[in-house]
Amino acid sequence: MPSRPNIRVLRDIKARKGVPDNEISRRAYLYLQLNSFGRYTRPTTVKNRCTATGRGRGIIGEFGLCRYQFRLKALAG
């Protein structure tokens, strides 16, 4: 049974989807010096997180896993 995603992972997924969706309008607003965008449209809100645990440190970028989960999956085969 797959585990339920961590709330941090869900927030990060939402931020990753929101940034490209609003990029064109965001650049136009920044050019006009207006800033009235939501939280998840800013590129700085996107953070690398482990997709299994939601951990924000020790992420191996190619796999999207923290070092602990990567080791567990590597040992499991």
PDB file of N, CA and C in Angstrom:
ATOM      1  N   MET A   1       0.843  -1.172   0.000  1.00  0.00           N
ATOM      2  CA  MET A   1       0.000   0.000   0.000  1.00  0.00           C
ATOM      3  C   MET A   1       0.893   1.241   0.000  1.00  0.00           C
ATOM      4  N   PRO A   2       0.736   2.125  -1.001  1.00  0.00           N
ATOM      5  CA  PRO A   2       1.567   3.327  -1.026  1.00  0.00           C
ATOM      6  C   PRO A   2       1.197   4.285   0.095  1.00  0.00           C
ATOM      7  N   SER A   3       2.222   4.962   0.621  1.00  0.00           N
ATOM      8  CA  SER A   3       1.972   5.899   1.707  1.00  0.00           C
ATOM      9  C   SER A   3       1.368   7.187   1.174  1.00  0.00           C
ATOM     10  N   ARG A   4       0.634   7.880   2.038  1.00  0.00           N
ATOM     11  CA  ARG A   4       0.018   9.153   1.674  1.00  0.00           C
ATOM     12  C   ARG A   4       1.083  10.234   1.586  1.00  0.00           C
ATOM     13  N   PRO A   5       1.004  11.120   0.596  1.00  0.00           N
ATOM     14  CA  PRO A   5       2.027  12.171   0.490  1.00  0.00           C
ATOM     15  C   PRO A   5       1.997  13.121   1.679  1.00  0.00           C
ATOM     16  N   ASN A   6       3.155  13.542   2.066  1.00  0.00           N
ATOM     17  CA  ASN A   6       3.338  14.502   3.141  1.00  0.00           C
ATOM     18  C   ASN A   6       2.789  15.854   2.697  1.00  0.00           C
ATOM     19  N   ILE A   7       2.271  16.666   3.615  1.00  0.00           N
ATOM     20  CA  ILE A   7       1.711  17.972   3.271  1.00  0.00           C
ATOM     21  C   ILE A   7       2.762  18.865   2.638  1.00  0.00           C
ATOM     22  N   ARG A   8       4.013  18.740   3.065  1.00  0.00           N
ATOM     23  CA  ARG A   8       5.086  19.546   2.470  1.00  0.00           C
ATOM     24  C   ARG A   8       5.283  19.190   1.002  1.00  0.00           C
ATOM     25  N   VAL A   9       5.174  17.904   0.692  1.00  0.00           N
ATOM     26  CA  VAL A   9       5.315  17.456  -0.691  1.00  0.00           C
ATOM     27  C   VAL A   9       4.159  17.996  -1.522  1.00  0.00           C
ATOM     28  N   LEU A  10       2.951  17.960  -0.974  1.00  0.00           N
ATOM     29  CA  LEU A  10       1.791  18.478  -1.702  1.00  0.00           C
ATOM     30  C   LEU A  10       1.929  19.971  -1.966  1.00  0.00           C
ATOM     31  N   ARG A  11       2.424  20.729  -0.962  1.00  0.00           N
ATOM     32  CA  ARG A  11       2.649  22.161  -1.135  1.00  0.00           C
ATOM     33  C   ARG A  11       3.683  22.422  -2.226  1.00  0.00           C
ATOM     34  N   ASP A  12       4.743  21.609  -2.236  1.00  0.00           N
ATOM     35  CA  ASP A  12       5.801  21.788  -3.228  1.00  0.00           C
ATOM     36  C   ASP A  12       5.284  21.476  -4.632  1.00  0.00           C
ATOM     37  N   ILE A  13       4.455  20.448  -4.765  1.00  0.00           N
ATOM     38  CA  ILE A  13       3.863  20.106  -6.065  1.00  0.00           C
ATOM     39  C   ILE A  13       2.990  21.252  -6.554  1.00  0.00           C
ATOM     40  N   LYS A  14       2.207  21.828  -5.638  1.00  0.00           N
ATOM     41  CA  LYS A  14       1.342  22.954  -5.993  1.00  0.00           C
ATOM     42  C   LYS A  14       2.171  24.146  -6.456  1.00  0.00           C
ATOM     43  N   ALA A  15       3.276  24.414  -5.770  1.00  0.00           N
ATOM     44  CA  ALA A  15       4.149  25.526  -6.144  1.00  0.00           C
ATOM     45  C   ALA A  15       4.804  25.269  -7.492  1.00  0.00           C
ATOM     46  N   ARG A  16       5.242  24.045  -7.736  1.00  0.00           N
ATOM     47  CA  ARG A  16       5.885  23.717  -9.013  1.00  0.00           C
ATOM     48  C   ARG A  16       4.921  23.872 -10.180  1.00  0.00           C
ATOM     49  N   LYS A  17       3.643  23.570  -9.966  1.00  0.00           N
ATOM     50  CA  LYS A  17       2.645  23.740 -11.024  1.00  0.00           C
ATOM     51  C   LYS A  17       2.270  25.202 -11.201  1.00  0.00           C
ATOM     52  N   GLY A  18       2.235  25.959 -10.120  1.00  0.00           N
ATOM     53  CA  GLY A  18       1.796  27.351 -10.177  1.00  0.00           C
ATOM     54  C   GLY A  18       2.775  28.286 -10.841  1.00  0.00           C
ATOM     55  N   VAL A  19       4.060  28.010 -10.726  1.00  0.00           N
ATOM     56  CA  VAL A  19       5.082  28.912 -11.274  1.00  0.00           C
ATOM     57  C   VAL A  19       4.999  28.994 -12.802  1.00  0.00           C
ATOM     58  N   PRO A  20       5.053  27.874 -13.529  1.00  0.00           N
ATOM     59  CA  PRO A  20       4.996  28.009 -14.994  1.00  0.00           C
ATOM     60  C   PRO A  20       3.639  28.495 -15.510  1.00  0.00           C
ATOM     61  N   ASP A  21       2.565  28.175 -14.795  1.00  0.00           N
ATOM     62  CA  ASP A  21       1.237  28.602 -15.217  1.00  0.00           C
ATOM     63  C   ASP A  21       1.095  30.123 -15.209  1.00  0.00           C
ATOM     64  N   ASN A  22       1.791  30.796 -14.323  1.00  0.00           N
ATOM     65  CA  ASN A  22       1.655  32.244 -14.174  1.00  0.00           C
ATOM     66  C   ASN A  22       2.871  33.030 -14.644  1.00  0.00           C
ATOM     67  N   GLU A  23       3.798  32.396 -15.326  1.00  0.00           N
ATOM     68  CA  GLU A  23       5.060  33.049 -15.676  1.00  0.00           C
ATOM     69  C   GLU A  23       4.872  34.257 -16.593  1.00  0.00           C
ATOM     70  N   ILE A  24       4.061  34.133 -17.629  1.00  0.00           N
ATOM     71  CA  ILE A  24       3.896  35.228 -18.592  1.00  0.00           C
ATOM     72  C   ILE A  24       3.233  36.430 -17.938  1.00  0.00           C
ATOM     73  N   SER A  25       2.138  36.203 -17.240  1.00  0.00           N
ATOM     74  CA  SER A  25       1.456  37.328 -16.587  1.00  0.00           C
ATOM     75  C   SER A  25       2.324  37.913 -15.472  1.00  0.00           C
ATOM     76  N   ARG A  26       3.101  37.069 -14.824  1.00  0.00           N
ATOM     77  CA  ARG A  26       3.989  37.546 -13.763  1.00  0.00           C
ATOM     78  C   ARG A  26       5.040  38.509 -14.309  1.00  0.00           C
ATOM     79  N   ARG A  27       5.632  38.149 -15.435  1.00  0.00           N
ATOM     80  CA  ARG A  27       6.633  39.037 -16.049  1.00  0.00           C
ATOM     81  C   ARG A  27       6.015  40.364 -16.482  1.00  0.00           C
ATOM     82  N   ALA A  28       4.788  40.312 -16.989  1.00  0.00           N
ATOM     83  CA  ALA A  28       4.109  41.545 -17.401  1.00  0.00           C
ATOM     84  C   ALA A  28       3.849  42.437 -16.190  1.00  0.00           C
ATOM     85  N   TYR A  29       3.385  41.846 -15.103  1.00  0.00           N
ATOM     86  CA  TYR A  29       3.117  42.629 -13.892  1.00  0.00           C
ATOM     87  C   TYR A  29       4.407  43.204 -13.307  1.00  0.00           C
ATOM     88  N   LEU A  30       5.481  42.420 -13.329  1.00  0.00           N
ATOM     89  CA  LEU A  30       6.752  42.918 -12.813  1.00  0.00           C
ATOM     90  C   LEU A  30       7.281  44.070 -13.670  1.00  0.00           C
ATOM     91  N   TYR A  31       7.035  43.980 -14.974  1.00  0.00           N
ATOM     92  CA  TYR A  31       7.449  45.055 -15.863  1.00  0.00           C
ATOM     93  C   TYR A  31       6.696  46.343 -15.520  1.00  0.00           C
ATOM     94  N   LEU A  32       5.436  46.197 -15.152  1.00  0.00           N
ATOM     95  CA  LEU A  32       4.617  47.354 -14.769  1.00  0.00           C
ATOM     96  C   LEU A  32       4.762  47.694 -13.295  1.00  0.00           C
ATOM     97  N   GLN A  33       5.633  46.985 -12.603  1.00  0.00           N
ATOM     98  CA  GLN A  33       5.919  47.178 -11.180  1.00  0.00           C
ATOM     99  C   GLN A  33       4.680  46.978 -10.306  1.00  0.00           C
ATOM    100  N   LEU A  34       3.920  45.968 -10.620  1.00  0.00           N
ATOM    101  CA  LEU A  34       2.776  45.568  -9.801  1.00  0.00           C
ATOM    102  C   LEU A  34       3.103  44.206  -9.205  1.00  0.00           C
ATOM    103  N   ASN A  35       2.655  43.961  -8.015  1.00  0.00           N
ATOM    104  CA  ASN A  35       2.935  42.669  -7.394  1.00  0.00           C
ATOM    105  C   ASN A  35       1.740  42.238  -6.566  1.00  0.00           C
ATOM    106  N   SER A  36       0.857  41.506  -7.181  1.00  0.00           N
ATOM    107  CA  SER A  36      -0.327  41.028  -6.472  1.00  0.00           C
ATOM    108  C   SER A  36      -0.563  39.554  -6.777  1.00  0.00           C
ATOM    109  N   PHE A  37       0.490  38.767  -6.661  1.00  0.00           N
ATOM    110  CA  PHE A  37       0.378  37.353  -6.970  1.00  0.00           C
ATOM    111  C   PHE A  37       0.253  36.521  -5.704  1.00  0.00           C
ATOM    112  N   GLY A  38      -0.329  35.357  -5.869  1.00  0.00           N
ATOM    113  CA  GLY A  38      -0.478  34.440  -4.753  1.00  0.00           C
ATOM    114  C   GLY A  38       0.848  33.833  -4.331  1.00  0.00           C
ATOM    115  N   ARG A  39       0.808  33.129  -3.242  1.00  0.00           N
ATOM    116  CA  ARG A  39       2.011  32.552  -2.661  1.00  0.00           C
ATOM    117  C   ARG A  39       2.682  31.529  -3.572  1.00  0.00           C
ATOM    118  N   TYR A  40       1.896  30.694  -4.225  1.00  0.00           N
ATOM    119  CA  TYR A  40       2.474  29.589  -4.984  1.00  0.00           C
ATOM    120  C   TYR A  40       2.775  29.936  -6.431  1.00  0.00           C
ATOM    121  N   THR A  41       2.825  31.208  -6.768  1.00  0.00           N
ATOM    122  CA  THR A  41       3.219  31.599  -8.119  1.00  0.00           C
ATOM    123  C   THR A  41       4.657  32.106  -8.137  1.00  0.00           C
ATOM    124  N   ARG A  42       5.266  32.239  -6.984  1.00  0.00           N
ATOM    125  CA  ARG A  42       6.644  32.741  -6.911  1.00  0.00           C
ATOM    126  C   ARG A  42       7.642  31.595  -7.112  1.00  0.00           C
ATOM    127  N   PRO A  43       8.631  31.806  -7.968  1.00  0.00           N
ATOM    128  CA  PRO A  43       9.615  30.745  -8.195  1.00  0.00           C
ATOM    129  C   PRO A  43      10.431  30.399  -6.951  1.00  0.00           C
ATOM    130  N   THR A  44      10.551  31.324  -6.013  1.00  0.00           N
ATOM    131  CA  THR A  44      11.360  31.057  -4.827  1.00  0.00           C
ATOM    132  C   THR A  44      10.666  30.130  -3.844  1.00  0.00           C
ATOM    133  N   THR A  45       9.387  29.839  -4.037  1.00  0.00           N
ATOM    134  CA  THR A  45       8.703  28.928  -3.115  1.00  0.00           C
ATOM    135  C   THR A  45       8.968  27.469  -3.448  1.00  0.00           C
ATOM    136  N   VAL A  46       9.508  27.208  -4.635  1.00  0.00           N
ATOM    137  CA  VAL A  46       9.797  25.832  -5.034  1.00  0.00           C
ATOM    138  C   VAL A  46      11.056  25.377  -4.319  1.00  0.00           C
ATOM    139  N   LYS A  47      10.963  24.242  -3.623  1.00  0.00           N
ATOM    140  CA  LYS A  47      12.087  23.724  -2.857  1.00  0.00           C
ATOM    141  C   LYS A  47      12.215  22.240  -3.149  1.00  0.00           C
ATOM    142  N   ASN A  48      13.437  21.767  -3.231  1.00  0.00           N
ATOM    143  CA  ASN A  48      13.636  20.333  -3.429  1.00  0.00           C
ATOM    144  C   ASN A  48      13.244  19.605  -2.157  1.00  0.00           C
ATOM    145  N   ARG A  49      12.347  18.646  -2.293  1.00  0.00           N
ATOM    146  CA  ARG A  49      11.916  17.834  -1.166  1.00  0.00           C
ATOM    147  C   ARG A  49      11.870  16.375  -1.587  1.00  0.00           C
ATOM    148  N   CYS A  50      12.082  15.510  -0.621  1.00  0.00           N
ATOM    149  CA  CYS A  50      11.986  14.078  -0.862  1.00  0.00           C
ATOM    150  C   CYS A  50      10.533  13.746  -1.193  1.00  0.00           C
ATOM    151  N   THR A  51      10.315  13.033  -2.280  1.00  0.00           N
ATOM    152  CA  THR A  51       8.949  12.715  -2.682  1.00  0.00           C
ATOM    153  C   THR A  51       8.332  11.643  -1.795  1.00  0.00           C
ATOM    154  N   ALA A  52       9.146  10.913  -1.050  1.00  0.00           N
ATOM    155  CA  ALA A  52       8.618   9.862  -0.177  1.00  0.00           C
ATOM    156  C   ALA A  52       8.322  10.375   1.229  1.00  0.00           C
ATOM    157  N   THR A  53       9.203  11.211   1.777  1.00  0.00           N
ATOM    158  CA  THR A  53       9.048  11.615   3.178  1.00  0.00           C
ATOM    159  C   THR A  53       8.781  13.095   3.374  1.00  0.00           C
ATOM    160  N   GLY A  54       9.094  13.939   2.386  1.00  0.00           N
ATOM    161  CA  GLY A  54       8.924  15.374   2.535  1.00  0.00           C
ATOM    162  C   GLY A  54      10.115  16.064   3.153  1.00  0.00           C
ATOM    163  N   ARG A  55      11.177  15.323   3.376  1.00  0.00           N
ATOM    164  CA  ARG A  55      12.384  15.890   3.981  1.00  0.00           C
ATOM    165  C   ARG A  55      13.015  16.897   3.031  1.00  0.00           C
ATOM    166  N   GLY A  56      13.517  18.015   3.570  1.00  0.00           N
ATOM    167  CA  GLY A  56      14.059  19.089   2.748  1.00  0.00           C
ATOM    168  C   GLY A  56      15.570  19.126   2.673  1.00  0.00           C
ATOM    169  N   ARG A  57      16.245  18.180   3.286  1.00  0.00           N
ATOM    170  CA  ARG A  57      17.714  18.175   3.266  1.00  0.00           C
ATOM    171  C   ARG A  57      18.231  16.851   2.731  1.00  0.00           C
ATOM    172  N   GLY A  58      19.395  16.906   2.135  1.00  0.00           N
ATOM    173  CA  GLY A  58      20.044  15.687   1.641  1.00  0.00           C
ATOM    174  C   GLY A  58      19.311  15.073   0.465  1.00  0.00           C
ATOM    175  N   ILE A  59      18.812  15.901  -0.453  1.00  0.00           N
ATOM    176  CA  ILE A  59      18.041  15.407  -1.588  1.00  0.00           C
ATOM    177  C   ILE A  59      18.974  15.069  -2.739  1.00  0.00           C
ATOM    178  N   ILE A  60      18.787  13.908  -3.320  1.00  0.00           N
ATOM    179  CA  ILE A  60      19.527  13.503  -4.503  1.00  0.00           C
ATOM    180  C   ILE A  60      18.630  13.857  -5.686  1.00  0.00           C
ATOM    181  N   GLY A  61      19.044  14.879  -6.431  1.00  0.00           N
ATOM    182  CA  GLY A  61      18.202  15.503  -7.441  1.00  0.00           C
ATOM    183  C   GLY A  61      17.696  14.575  -8.528  1.00  0.00           C
ATOM    184  N   GLU A  62      18.526  13.669  -9.010  1.00  0.00           N
ATOM    185  CA  GLU A  62      18.123  12.788 -10.107  1.00  0.00           C
ATOM    186  C   GLU A  62      16.927  11.927  -9.731  1.00  0.00           C
ATOM    187  N   PHE A  63      16.855  11.538  -8.469  1.00  0.00           N
ATOM    188  CA  PHE A  63      15.836  10.604  -8.036  1.00  0.00           C
ATOM    189  C   PHE A  63      14.722  11.260  -7.229  1.00  0.00           C
ATOM    190  N   GLY A  64      14.963  12.462  -6.714  1.00  0.00           N
ATOM    191  CA  GLY A  64      13.959  13.147  -5.912  1.00  0.00           C
ATOM    192  C   GLY A  64      13.758  12.527  -4.543  1.00  0.00           C
ATOM    193  N   LEU A  65      14.785  11.843  -4.054  1.00  0.00           N
ATOM    194  CA  LEU A  65      14.698  11.173  -2.756  1.00  0.00           C
ATOM    195  C   LEU A  65      15.780  11.709  -1.826  1.00  0.00           C
ATOM    196  N   CYS A  66      15.503  11.687  -0.505  1.00  0.00           N
ATOM    197  CA  CYS A  66      16.532  12.065   0.445  1.00  0.00           C
ATOM    198  C   CYS A  66      17.530  10.913   0.552  1.00  0.00           C
ATOM    199  N   ARG A  67      18.640  11.191   1.171  1.00  0.00           N
ATOM    200  CA  ARG A  67      19.712  10.192   1.207  1.00  0.00           C
ATOM    201  C   ARG A  67      19.288   8.922   1.935  1.00  0.00           C
ATOM    202  N   TYR A  68      18.416   9.039   2.921  1.00  0.00           N
ATOM    203  CA  TYR A  68      17.966   7.860   3.663  1.00  0.00           C
ATOM    204  C   TYR A  68      17.070   6.975   2.802  1.00  0.00           C
ATOM    205  N   GLN A  69      16.097   7.580   2.129  1.00  0.00           N
ATOM    206  CA  GLN A  69      15.202   6.807   1.268  1.00  0.00           C
ATOM    207  C   GLN A  69      15.949   6.223   0.081  1.00  0.00           C
ATOM    208  N   PHE A  70      16.904   6.991  -0.444  1.00  0.00           N
ATOM    209  CA  PHE A  70      17.703   6.496  -1.560  1.00  0.00           C
ATOM    210  C   PHE A  70      18.466   5.246  -1.151  1.00  0.00           C
ATOM    211  N   ARG A  71      19.045   5.294   0.052  1.00  0.00           N
ATOM    212  CA  ARG A  71      19.807   4.138   0.539  1.00  0.00           C
ATOM    213  C   ARG A  71      18.894   2.930   0.755  1.00  0.00           C
ATOM    214  N   LEU A  72      17.709   3.169   1.331  1.00  0.00           N
ATOM    215  CA  LEU A  72      16.765   2.079   1.549  1.00  0.00           C
ATOM    216  C   LEU A  72      16.342   1.434   0.227  1.00  0.00           C
ATOM    217  N   LYS A  73      16.056   2.258  -0.765  1.00  0.00           N
ATOM    218  CA  LYS A  73      15.623   1.732  -2.073  1.00  0.00           C
ATOM    219  C   LYS A  73      16.777   1.025  -2.780  1.00  0.00           C
ATOM    220  N   ALA A  74      17.998   1.534  -2.605  1.00  0.00           N
ATOM    221  CA  ALA A  74      19.154   0.912  -3.251  1.00  0.00           C
ATOM    222  C   ALA A  74      19.440  -0.452  -2.610  1.00  0.00           C
ATOM    223  N   LEU A  75      19.297  -0.543  -1.292  1.00  0.00           N
ATOM    224  CA  LEU A  75      19.553  -1.821  -0.611  1.00  0.00           C
ATOM    225  C   LEU A  75      18.442  -2.833  -0.898  1.00  0.00           C
ATOM    226  N   ALA A  76      17.223  -2.353  -1.101  1.00  0.00           N
ATOM    227  CA  ALA A  76      16.101  -3.245  -1.352  1.00  0.00           C
ATOM    228  C   ALA A  76      16.176  -3.848  -2.759  1.00  0.00           C
ATOM    229  N   GLY A  77      16.858  -3.168  -3.641  1.00  0.00           N
ATOM    230  CA  GLY A  77      17.047  -3.710  -4.971  1.00  0.00           C
ATOM    231  C   GLY A  77      16.265  -3.011  -5.949  1.00  0.00           C
TER     232      GLY A  77
END
